[in-house]
Amino acid sequence: EVMADLCRKLGMNLDLVSTDWGTVNQRILN
């Protein structure tokens, strides 16, 4: 959440994907 707020303040084109930790662990292998 803090990282997302910083990215928005910096004007980055952010897409925050909020999901469960198990899904994150699967997706980061992609």
PDB file of all heavy atoms in Angstrom:
ATOM      1  N   GLU A   1       0.833  -1.199   0.000  1.00  0.00           N
ATOM      2  CA  GLU A   1       0.000   0.000   0.000  1.00  0.00           C
ATOM      3  C   GLU A   1       0.873   1.257   0.000  1.00  0.00           C
ATOM      4  O   GLU A   1       0.586   2.236  -0.714  1.00  0.00           O
ATOM      5  CB  GLU A   1      -0.926  -0.015   1.221  1.00  0.00           C
ATOM      6  CG  GLU A   1      -2.035  -1.046   1.153  1.00  0.00           C
ATOM      7  CD  GLU A   1      -3.115  -0.692   0.150  1.00  0.00           C
ATOM      8  OE1 GLU A   1      -3.136   0.462  -0.339  1.00  0.00           O
ATOM      9  OE2 GLU A   1      -3.949  -1.568  -0.162  1.00  0.00           O
ATOM     10  N   VAL A   2       1.934   1.260   0.780  1.00  0.00           N
ATOM     11  CA  VAL A   2       2.841   2.419   0.813  1.00  0.00           C
ATOM     12  C   VAL A   2       3.536   2.567  -0.539  1.00  0.00           C
ATOM     13  O   VAL A   2       3.692   3.688  -1.059  1.00  0.00           O
ATOM     14  CB  VAL A   2       3.863   2.279   1.953  1.00  0.00           C
ATOM     15  CG1 VAL A   2       4.885   3.414   1.902  1.00  0.00           C
ATOM     16  CG2 VAL A   2       3.156   2.274   3.296  1.00  0.00           C
ATOM     17  N   MET A   3       3.955   1.434  -1.123  1.00  0.00           N
ATOM     18  CA  MET A   3       4.621   1.482  -2.423  1.00  0.00           C
ATOM     19  C   MET A   3       3.682   2.009  -3.501  1.00  0.00           C
ATOM     20  O   MET A   3       4.078   2.819  -4.358  1.00  0.00           O
ATOM     21  CB  MET A   3       5.106   0.077  -2.799  1.00  0.00           C
ATOM     22  CG  MET A   3       6.046   0.036  -3.989  1.00  0.00           C
ATOM     23  SD  MET A   3       7.680   0.677  -3.582  1.00  0.00           S
ATOM     24  CE  MET A   3       7.879   1.903  -4.866  1.00  0.00           C
ATOM     25  N   ALA A   4       2.424   1.571  -3.453  1.00  0.00           N
ATOM     26  CA  ALA A   4       1.442   2.031  -4.428  1.00  0.00           C
ATOM     27  C   ALA A   4       1.232   3.533  -4.320  1.00  0.00           C
ATOM     28  O   ALA A   4       1.153   4.245  -5.341  1.00  0.00           O
ATOM     29  CB  ALA A   4       0.123   1.286  -4.236  1.00  0.00           C
ATOM     30  N   ASP A   5       1.139   4.030  -3.096  1.00  0.00           N
ATOM     31  CA  ASP A   5       0.949   5.468  -2.889  1.00  0.00           C
ATOM     32  C   ASP A   5       2.132   6.259  -3.437  1.00  0.00           C
ATOM     33  O   ASP A   5       1.957   7.304  -4.081  1.00  0.00           O
ATOM     34  CB  ASP A   5       0.773   5.736  -1.397  1.00  0.00           C
ATOM     35  CG  ASP A   5       0.529   7.204  -1.097  1.00  0.00           C
ATOM     36  OD1 ASP A   5      -0.489   7.751  -1.577  1.00  0.00           O
ATOM     37  OD2 ASP A   5       1.357   7.816  -0.394  1.00  0.00           O
ATOM     38  N   LEU A   6       3.357   5.755  -3.220  1.00  0.00           N
ATOM     39  CA  LEU A   6       4.540   6.425  -3.743  1.00  0.00           C
ATOM     40  C   LEU A   6       4.531   6.450  -5.266  1.00  0.00           C
ATOM     41  O   LEU A   6       4.821   7.489  -5.887  1.00  0.00           O
ATOM     42  CB  LEU A   6       5.807   5.735  -3.235  1.00  0.00           C
ATOM     43  CG  LEU A   6       7.127   6.265  -3.784  1.00  0.00           C
ATOM     44  CD1 LEU A   6       7.338   7.724  -3.402  1.00  0.00           C
ATOM     45  CD2 LEU A   6       8.300   5.405  -3.302  1.00  0.00           C
ATOM     46  N   CYS A   7       4.203   5.326  -5.884  1.00  0.00           N
ATOM     47  CA  CYS A   7       4.179   5.268  -7.349  1.00  0.00           C
ATOM     48  C   CYS A   7       3.188   6.275  -7.922  1.00  0.00           C
ATOM     49  O   CYS A   7       3.462   6.939  -8.936  1.00  0.00           O
ATOM     50  CB  CYS A   7       3.830   3.860  -7.815  1.00  0.00           C
ATOM     51  SG  CYS A   7       5.135   2.639  -7.563  1.00  0.00           S
ATOM     52  N   ARG A   8       2.038   6.403  -7.269  1.00  0.00           N
ATOM     53  CA  ARG A   8       1.042   7.369  -7.752  1.00  0.00           C
ATOM     54  C   ARG A   8       1.570   8.797  -7.611  1.00  0.00           C
ATOM     55  O   ARG A   8       1.385   9.631  -8.506  1.00  0.00           O
ATOM     56  CB  ARG A   8      -0.259   7.194  -6.981  1.00  0.00           C
ATOM     57  CG  ARG A   8      -0.944   5.835  -7.219  1.00  0.00           C
ATOM     58  CD  ARG A   8      -2.302   5.786  -6.539  1.00  0.00           C
ATOM     59  NE  ARG A   8      -2.901   4.453  -6.649  1.00  0.00           N
ATOM     60  CZ  ARG A   8      -3.002   3.586  -5.644  1.00  0.00           C
ATOM     61  NH1 ARG A   8      -2.539   3.919  -4.443  1.00  0.00           N
ATOM     62  NH2 ARG A   8      -3.549   2.409  -5.825  1.00  0.00           N
ATOM     63  N   LYS A   9       2.227   9.094  -6.473  1.00  0.00           N
ATOM     64  CA  LYS A   9       2.788  10.433  -6.279  1.00  0.00           C
ATOM     65  C   LYS A   9       3.850  10.750  -7.317  1.00  0.00           C
ATOM     66  O   LYS A   9       4.024  11.914  -7.712  1.00  0.00           O
ATOM     67  CB  LYS A   9       3.387  10.549  -4.878  1.00  0.00           C
ATOM     68  CG  LYS A   9       2.352  10.587  -3.761  1.00  0.00           C
ATOM     69  CD  LYS A   9       3.026  10.635  -2.397  1.00  0.00           C
ATOM     70  CE  LYS A   9       2.000  10.710  -1.279  1.00  0.00           C
ATOM     71  NZ  LYS A   9       2.654  10.659   0.067  1.00  0.00           N
ATOM     72  N   LEU A  10       4.562   9.722  -7.765  1.00  0.00           N
ATOM     73  CA  LEU A  10       5.619   9.927  -8.764  1.00  0.00           C
ATOM     74  C   LEU A  10       5.072   9.980 -10.183  1.00  0.00           C
ATOM     75  O   LEU A  10       5.828  10.187 -11.137  1.00  0.00           O
ATOM     76  CB  LEU A  10       6.654   8.805  -8.658  1.00  0.00           C
ATOM     77  CG  LEU A  10       7.483   8.776  -7.375  1.00  0.00           C
ATOM     78  CD1 LEU A  10       8.381   7.539  -7.340  1.00  0.00           C
ATOM     79  CD2 LEU A  10       8.320  10.035  -7.240  1.00  0.00           C
ATOM     80  N   GLY A  11       3.770   9.774 -10.332  1.00  0.00           N
ATOM     81  CA  GLY A  11       3.155   9.835 -11.647  1.00  0.00           C
ATOM     82  C   GLY A  11       3.338   8.578 -12.479  1.00  0.00           C
ATOM     83  O   GLY A  11       3.177   8.616 -13.710  1.00  0.00           O
ATOM     84  N   MET A  12       3.625   7.450 -11.825  1.00  0.00           N
ATOM     85  CA  MET A  12       3.801   6.203 -12.561  1.00  0.00           C
ATOM     86  C   MET A  12       2.437   5.622 -12.919  1.00  0.00           C
ATOM     87  O   MET A  12       1.434   5.844 -12.223  1.00  0.00           O
ATOM     88  CB  MET A  12       4.613   5.202 -11.744  1.00  0.00           C
ATOM     89  CG  MET A  12       5.996   5.707 -11.357  1.00  0.00           C
ATOM     90  SD  MET A  12       7.040   4.470 -10.524  1.00  0.00           S
ATOM     91  CE  MET A  12       7.646   3.585 -11.970  1.00  0.00           C
ATOM     92  N   ASN A  13       2.387   4.915 -14.001  1.00  0.00           N
ATOM     93  CA  ASN A  13       1.157   4.304 -14.513  1.00  0.00           C
ATOM     94  C   ASN A  13       0.933   2.981 -13.778  1.00  0.00           C
ATOM     95  O   ASN A  13       1.276   1.914 -14.276  1.00  0.00           O
ATOM     96  CB  ASN A  13       1.282   4.100 -16.024  1.00  0.00           C
ATOM     97  CG  ASN A  13       0.048   3.448 -16.627  1.00  0.00           C
ATOM     98  OD1 ASN A  13      -1.004   3.376 -15.995  1.00  0.00           O
ATOM     99  ND2 ASN A  13       0.183   2.979 -17.861  1.00  0.00           N
ATOM    100  N   LEU A  14       0.365   3.070 -12.579  1.00  0.00           N
ATOM    101  CA  LEU A  14       0.296   1.926 -11.674  1.00  0.00           C
ATOM    102  C   LEU A  14      -0.991   1.135 -11.843  1.00  0.00           C
ATOM    103  O   LEU A  14      -2.081   1.698 -11.929  1.00  0.00           O
ATOM    104  CB  LEU A  14       0.398   2.395 -10.225  1.00  0.00           C
ATOM    105  CG  LEU A  14       0.333   1.274  -9.178  1.00  0.00           C
ATOM    106  CD1 LEU A  14       1.607   0.447  -9.197  1.00  0.00           C
ATOM    107  CD2 LEU A  14       0.070   1.845  -7.790  1.00  0.00           C
ATOM    108  N   ASP A  15      -0.834  -0.184 -11.829  1.00  0.00           N
ATOM    109  CA  ASP A  15      -1.952  -1.123 -11.762  1.00  0.00           C
ATOM    110  C   ASP A  15      -1.725  -1.983 -10.518  1.00  0.00           C
ATOM    111  O   ASP A  15      -0.897  -2.892 -10.518  1.00  0.00           O
ATOM    112  CB  ASP A  15      -1.986  -1.993 -13.028  1.00  0.00           C
ATOM    113  CG  ASP A  15      -3.142  -2.992 -13.033  1.00  0.00           C
ATOM    114  OD1 ASP A  15      -3.948  -2.972 -12.078  1.00  0.00           O
ATOM    115  OD2 ASP A  15      -3.225  -3.789 -13.988  1.00  0.00           O
ATOM    116  N   LEU A  16      -2.434  -1.666  -9.428  1.00  0.00           N
ATOM    117  CA  LEU A  16      -2.307  -2.416  -8.176  1.00  0.00           C
ATOM    118  C   LEU A  16      -3.240  -3.618  -8.221  1.00  0.00           C
ATOM    119  O   LEU A  16      -4.459  -3.466  -8.337  1.00  0.00           O
ATOM    120  CB  LEU A  16      -2.650  -1.528  -6.985  1.00  0.00           C
ATOM    121  CG  LEU A  16      -2.660  -2.201  -5.608  1.00  0.00           C
ATOM    122  CD1 LEU A  16      -1.274  -2.737  -5.246  1.00  0.00           C
ATOM    123  CD2 LEU A  16      -3.161  -1.226  -4.531  1.00  0.00           C
ATOM    124  N   VAL A  17      -2.659  -4.815  -8.109  1.00  0.00           N
ATOM    125  CA  VAL A  17      -3.437  -6.058  -8.117  1.00  0.00           C
ATOM    126  C   VAL A  17      -3.433  -6.616  -6.698  1.00  0.00           C
ATOM    127  O   VAL A  17      -2.415  -7.122  -6.222  1.00  0.00           O
ATOM    128  CB  VAL A  17      -2.847  -7.083  -9.104  1.00  0.00           C
ATOM    129  CG1 VAL A  17      -3.655  -8.383  -9.068  1.00  0.00           C
ATOM    130  CG2 VAL A  17      -2.834  -6.499 -10.513  1.00  0.00           C
ATOM    131  N   SER A  18      -4.543  -6.503  -6.006  1.00  0.00           N
ATOM    132  CA  SER A  18      -4.666  -6.978  -4.632  1.00  0.00           C
ATOM    133  C   SER A  18      -5.322  -8.353  -4.635  1.00  0.00           C
ATOM    134  O   SER A  18      -6.461  -8.501  -5.099  1.00  0.00           O
ATOM    135  CB  SER A  18      -5.505  -5.996  -3.811  1.00  0.00           C
ATOM    136  OG  SER A  18      -4.880  -4.729  -3.757  1.00  0.00           O
ATOM    137  N   THR A  19      -4.610  -9.335  -4.104  1.00  0.00           N
ATOM    138  CA  THR A  19      -5.109 -10.703  -4.117  1.00  0.00           C
ATOM    139  C   THR A  19      -4.499 -11.450  -2.940  1.00  0.00           C
ATOM    140  O   THR A  19      -3.789 -10.866  -2.123  1.00  0.00           O
ATOM    141  CB  THR A  19      -4.778 -11.382  -5.462  1.00  0.00           C
ATOM    142  OG1 THR A  19      -5.365 -12.681  -5.504  1.00  0.00           O
ATOM    143  CG2 THR A  19      -3.274 -11.505  -5.674  1.00  0.00           C
ATOM    144  N   ASP A  20      -4.796 -12.740  -2.823  1.00  0.00           N
ATOM    145  CA  ASP A  20      -4.242 -13.517  -1.718  1.00  0.00           C
ATOM    146  C   ASP A  20      -2.793 -13.897  -2.015  1.00  0.00           C
ATOM    147  O   ASP A  20      -2.355 -13.937  -3.173  1.00  0.00           O
ATOM    148  CB  ASP A  20      -5.084 -14.766  -1.456  1.00  0.00           C
ATOM    149  CG  ASP A  20      -5.068 -15.718  -2.635  1.00  0.00           C
ATOM    150  OD1 ASP A  20      -5.862 -15.501  -3.582  1.00  0.00           O
ATOM    151  OD2 ASP A  20      -4.266 -16.671  -2.626  1.00  0.00           O
ATOM    152  N   TRP A  21      -2.046 -14.216  -0.948  1.00  0.00           N
ATOM    153  CA  TRP A  21      -0.620 -14.487  -1.065  1.00  0.00           C
ATOM    154  C   TRP A  21      -0.348 -15.735  -1.911  1.00  0.00           C
ATOM    155  O   TRP A  21       0.640 -15.793  -2.645  1.00  0.00           O
ATOM    156  CB  TRP A  21      -0.013 -14.610   0.317  1.00  0.00           C
ATOM    157  CG  TRP A  21       1.467 -14.863   0.361  1.00  0.00           C
ATOM    158  CD1 TRP A  21       2.105 -15.862   1.007  1.00  0.00           C
ATOM    159  CD2 TRP A  21       2.497 -14.087  -0.271  1.00  0.00           C
ATOM    160  NE1 TRP A  21       3.474 -15.768   0.833  1.00  0.00           N
ATOM    161  CE2 TRP A  21       3.741 -14.683   0.053  1.00  0.00           C
ATOM    162  CE3 TRP A  21       2.486 -12.944  -1.069  1.00  0.00           C
ATOM    163  CZ2 TRP A  21       4.956 -14.179  -0.404  1.00  0.00           C
ATOM    164  CZ3 TRP A  21       3.716 -12.435  -1.526  1.00  0.00           C
ATOM    165  CH2 TRP A  21       4.921 -13.062  -1.191  1.00  0.00           C
ATOM    166  N   GLY A  22      -1.224 -16.715  -1.837  1.00  0.00           N
ATOM    167  CA  GLY A  22      -1.039 -17.910  -2.659  1.00  0.00           C
ATOM    168  C   GLY A  22      -1.097 -17.587  -4.144  1.00  0.00           C
ATOM    169  O   GLY A  22      -0.296 -18.106  -4.935  1.00  0.00           O
ATOM    170  N   THR A  23      -2.012 -16.721  -4.524  1.00  0.00           N
ATOM    171  CA  THR A  23      -2.118 -16.321  -5.938  1.00  0.00           C
ATOM    172  C   THR A  23      -0.904 -15.518  -6.365  1.00  0.00           C
ATOM    173  O   THR A  23      -0.397 -15.682  -7.484  1.00  0.00           O
ATOM    174  CB  THR A  23      -3.405 -15.514  -6.158  1.00  0.00           C
ATOM    175  OG1 THR A  23      -4.541 -16.322  -5.809  1.00  0.00           O
ATOM    176  CG2 THR A  23      -3.537 -15.070  -7.606  1.00  0.00           C
ATOM    177  N   VAL A  24      -0.408 -14.647  -5.468  1.00  0.00           N
ATOM    178  CA  VAL A  24       0.819 -13.901  -5.784  1.00  0.00           C
ATOM    179  C   VAL A  24       1.966 -14.869  -6.050  1.00  0.00           C
ATOM    180  O   VAL A  24       2.715 -14.720  -7.028  1.00  0.00           O
ATOM    181  CB  VAL A  24       1.178 -12.928  -4.644  1.00  0.00           C
ATOM    182  CG1 VAL A  24       2.553 -12.304  -4.888  1.00  0.00           C
ATOM    183  CG2 VAL A  24       0.133 -11.838  -4.510  1.00  0.00           C
ATOM    184  N   ASN A  25       2.111 -15.881  -5.188  1.00  0.00           N
ATOM    185  CA  ASN A  25       3.201 -16.845  -5.357  1.00  0.00           C
ATOM    186  C   ASN A  25       3.122 -17.584  -6.688  1.00  0.00           C
ATOM    187  O   ASN A  25       4.146 -17.922  -7.283  1.00  0.00           O
ATOM    188  CB  ASN A  25       3.183 -17.852  -4.206  1.00  0.00           C
ATOM    189  CG  ASN A  25       3.961 -17.362  -3.000  1.00  0.00           C
ATOM    190  OD1 ASN A  25       5.181 -17.357  -2.999  1.00  0.00           O
ATOM    191  ND2 ASN A  25       3.245 -16.926  -1.978  1.00  0.00           N
ATOM    192  N   GLN A  26       1.931 -17.827  -7.164  1.00  0.00           N
ATOM    193  CA  GLN A  26       1.781 -18.482  -8.461  1.00  0.00           C
ATOM    194  C   GLN A  26       2.088 -17.510  -9.604  1.00  0.00           C
ATOM    195  O   GLN A  26       2.774 -17.863 -10.562  1.00  0.00           O
ATOM    196  CB  GLN A  26       0.361 -19.023  -8.598  1.00  0.00           C
ATOM    197  CG  GLN A  26       0.036 -20.159  -7.630  1.00  0.00           C
ATOM    198  CD  GLN A  26      -1.429 -20.547  -7.675  1.00  0.00           C
ATOM    199  OE1 GLN A  26      -2.202 -20.033  -8.476  1.00  0.00           O
ATOM    200  NE2 GLN A  26      -1.820 -21.449  -6.789  1.00  0.00           N
ATOM    201  N   ARG A  27       1.592 -16.286  -9.479  1.00  0.00           N
ATOM    202  CA  ARG A  27       1.737 -15.343 -10.589  1.00  0.00           C
ATOM    203  C   ARG A  27       3.174 -14.886 -10.784  1.00  0.00           C
ATOM    204  O   ARG A  27       3.593 -14.612 -11.929  1.00  0.00           O
ATOM    205  CB  ARG A  27       0.811 -14.140 -10.386  1.00  0.00           C
ATOM    206  CG  ARG A  27       0.825 -13.180 -11.572  1.00  0.00           C
ATOM    207  CD  ARG A  27      -0.345 -12.240 -11.572  1.00  0.00           C
ATOM    208  NE  ARG A  27      -0.216 -11.253 -12.644  1.00  0.00           N
ATOM    209  CZ  ARG A  27      -1.116 -10.304 -12.900  1.00  0.00           C
ATOM    210  NH1 ARG A  27      -2.224 -10.226 -12.162  1.00  0.00           N
ATOM    211  NH2 ARG A  27      -0.907  -9.432 -13.874  1.00  0.00           N
ATOM    212  N   ILE A  28       3.956 -14.772  -9.704  1.00  0.00           N
ATOM    213  CA  ILE A  28       5.319 -14.273  -9.884  1.00  0.00           C
ATOM    214  C   ILE A  28       6.202 -15.255 -10.651  1.00  0.00           C
ATOM    215  O   ILE A  28       7.305 -14.898 -11.082  1.00  0.00           O
ATOM    216  CB  ILE A  28       5.979 -13.932  -8.529  1.00  0.00           C
ATOM    217  CG1 ILE A  28       6.066 -15.169  -7.626  1.00  0.00           C
ATOM    218  CG2 ILE A  28       5.266 -12.781  -7.860  1.00  0.00           C
ATOM    219  CD1 ILE A  28       6.794 -14.928  -6.316  1.00  0.00           C
ATOM    220  N   LEU A  29       5.729 -16.476 -10.845  1.00  0.00           N
ATOM    221  CA  LEU A  29       6.473 -17.429 -11.673  1.00  0.00           C
ATOM    222  C   LEU A  29       6.256 -17.167 -13.162  1.00  0.00           C
ATOM    223  O   LEU A  29       6.959 -17.742 -14.002  1.00  0.00           O
ATOM    224  CB  LEU A  29       6.040 -18.861 -11.332  1.00  0.00           C
ATOM    225  CG  LEU A  29       6.266 -19.294  -9.878  1.00  0.00           C
ATOM    226  CD1 LEU A  29       5.734 -20.706  -9.663  1.00  0.00           C
ATOM    227  CD2 LEU A  29       7.732 -19.207  -9.495  1.00  0.00           C
ATOM    228  N   ASN A  30       5.294 -16.325 -13.500  1.00  0.00           N
ATOM    229  CA  ASN A  30       4.973 -16.000 -14.885  1.00  0.00           C
ATOM    230  C   ASN A  30       5.961 -14.971 -15.404  1.00  0.00           C
ATOM    231  O   ASN A  30       5.974 -13.823 -14.965  1.00  0.00           O
ATOM    232  CB  ASN A  30       3.538 -15.463 -14.966  1.00  0.00           C
ATOM    233  CG  ASN A  30       3.075 -15.231 -16.396  1.00  0.00           C
ATOM    234  OD1 ASN A  30       3.879 -15.156 -17.325  1.00  0.00           O
ATOM    235  ND2 ASN A  30       1.766 -15.105 -16.572  1.00  0.00           N
TER     236      ASN A  30
END
